[in-house]
Protein backbone atom coordinates (compact mmCIF):
# COMPACT_ATOMS: atom_id res chain seq x y z
CA MET A 1 61.53 116.98 90.00
CA GLU A 2 63.19 120.40 90.04
CA GLU A 3 62.21 120.96 93.70
CA GLN A 4 63.84 117.66 94.67
CA ASN A 5 67.14 118.65 93.01
CA GLN A 6 67.18 121.95 94.90
CA GLU A 7 66.71 120.11 98.20
CA ASN A 8 69.75 117.91 97.47
CA GLN A 9 72.07 120.82 96.63
CA LEU A 10 74.78 121.80 99.07
CA ASN A 11 75.88 125.40 99.24
CA ILE A 12 79.64 125.41 99.92
CA GLU A 13 81.29 128.62 101.07
CA LEU A 14 85.00 129.29 100.50
CA SER A 15 86.60 132.16 102.41
CA GLU A 16 89.43 134.17 100.84
CA GLU A 17 91.89 132.87 103.44
CA ILE A 18 91.08 129.23 102.75
CA ALA A 19 90.96 129.83 98.98
CA GLU A 20 94.64 130.86 99.08
CA GLY A 21 95.55 127.34 100.11
CA ILE A 22 98.59 126.11 101.99
CA PHE A 23 101.67 124.73 100.25
CA SER A 24 102.77 121.31 101.48
CA ASN A 25 105.60 119.10 100.26
CA LEU A 26 105.18 116.33 102.82
CA ALA A 27 102.14 114.48 104.13
CA ILE A 28 102.14 112.05 107.03
CA ILE A 29 99.15 109.74 107.34
CA THR A 30 98.22 107.87 110.51
CA HIS A 31 95.07 106.01 111.48
CA SER A 32 93.13 104.41 114.29
CA ASN A 33 90.17 102.07 114.03
CA THR A 34 87.82 105.07 113.72
CA GLU A 35 89.73 107.76 111.80
CA PHE A 36 92.50 108.67 109.38
CA VAL A 37 94.64 111.71 110.16
CA VAL A 38 96.50 113.47 107.35
CA ASP A 39 99.08 116.04 108.45
CA PHE A 40 100.30 118.38 105.71
CA ILE A 41 103.80 119.74 106.35
CA ARG A 42 106.10 122.21 104.63
CA VAL A 43 109.76 121.15 104.81
CA MET A 44 112.26 123.89 103.96
CA PRO A 45 115.76 123.28 102.59
CA GLY A 46 118.47 123.26 105.25
CA VAL A 47 115.98 123.58 108.12
CA PRO A 48 115.91 120.50 110.37
CA LYS A 49 112.53 121.41 111.88
CA ALA A 50 109.15 121.52 110.12
CA ARG A 51 105.69 122.47 111.31
CA VAL A 52 102.35 120.88 110.49
CA LYS A 53 100.49 123.45 108.39
CA SER A 54 97.15 121.67 108.22
CA ARG A 55 95.56 118.55 109.69
CA ILE A 56 92.60 116.77 108.12
CA ILE A 57 90.73 114.07 110.04
CA LEU A 58 88.59 111.64 108.03
CA THR A 59 86.40 108.64 108.71
CA PRO A 60 87.75 105.42 107.13
CA GLU A 61 84.91 105.47 104.58
CA HIS A 62 85.64 109.06 103.59
CA ALA A 63 89.39 108.33 103.39
CA LYS A 64 88.66 105.56 100.90
CA ARG A 65 86.41 107.88 98.87
CA LEU A 66 89.16 110.50 98.87
CA LEU A 67 91.65 107.89 97.61
CA GLY A 68 89.30 107.01 94.75
CA ALA A 69 88.74 110.66 93.87
CA MET A 70 92.52 111.32 93.90
CA GLU A 71 93.16 108.31 91.64
CA ASP A 72 90.45 109.47 89.23
CA ASN A 73 91.83 113.02 89.12
CA ILE A 74 95.42 111.84 88.64
CA GLU A 75 94.30 109.65 85.72
CA LYS A 76 92.54 112.64 84.12
CA TYR A 77 95.56 114.90 84.72
CA GLU A 78 97.97 112.38 83.20
CA ALA A 79 95.71 111.86 80.17
CA VAL A 80 96.10 115.56 79.35
CA ASN A 81 99.57 116.39 80.72
CA GLY A 82 101.49 113.12 80.56
CA ARG A 83 102.65 110.79 83.29
CA ILE A 84 103.63 112.32 86.63
CA LYS A 85 107.19 111.26 87.38
CA THR A 86 108.01 110.24 90.93
CA GLN A 87 111.42 109.57 92.42
CA GLU A 88 112.17 106.66 94.67
CA GLU A 89 113.39 108.27 97.89
CA PRO A 90 115.44 106.61 100.59
CA PRO A 91 113.80 106.17 104.01
CA GLY A 92 113.72 109.31 106.08
CA PHE A 93 113.13 112.91 105.11
CA PRO A 94 115.46 114.87 102.84
CA MET A 95 116.60 117.93 104.74
CA ASN A 96 118.51 119.70 102.00
CA PHE A 97 116.50 118.80 98.87
CA GLY A 98 119.75 117.88 97.18
CA GLY A 99 121.10 121.45 97.30
CA PRO A 100 123.54 123.24 99.54
CA ALA A 101 122.51 124.07 103.08
CA ALA A 102 121.54 127.67 103.79
CA GLN A 103 124.12 129.84 105.52
CA ALA A 104 123.72 133.08 107.44
């Protein structure tokens, strides 16, 4: 039985660069009949242009599994830390985050 468990293990490697992560405060999700595309973007206050920092492409089945895993993790987080508050935002993207625009 122990040999079978070792065969099913997956060795996952995480480089230092990837381990640092990328901050994102906006995600745009699109899909076709064969894939879901999640673009992670960092929007900066007072800057009308933003760049995609990371793009993840998933099969529809994997996207649904990811949704379930996110829901499960959010439930566990909220059980320990309290409910995550979200704000209803108007359509469009906030360009100034509610603060003054940057000046040079």
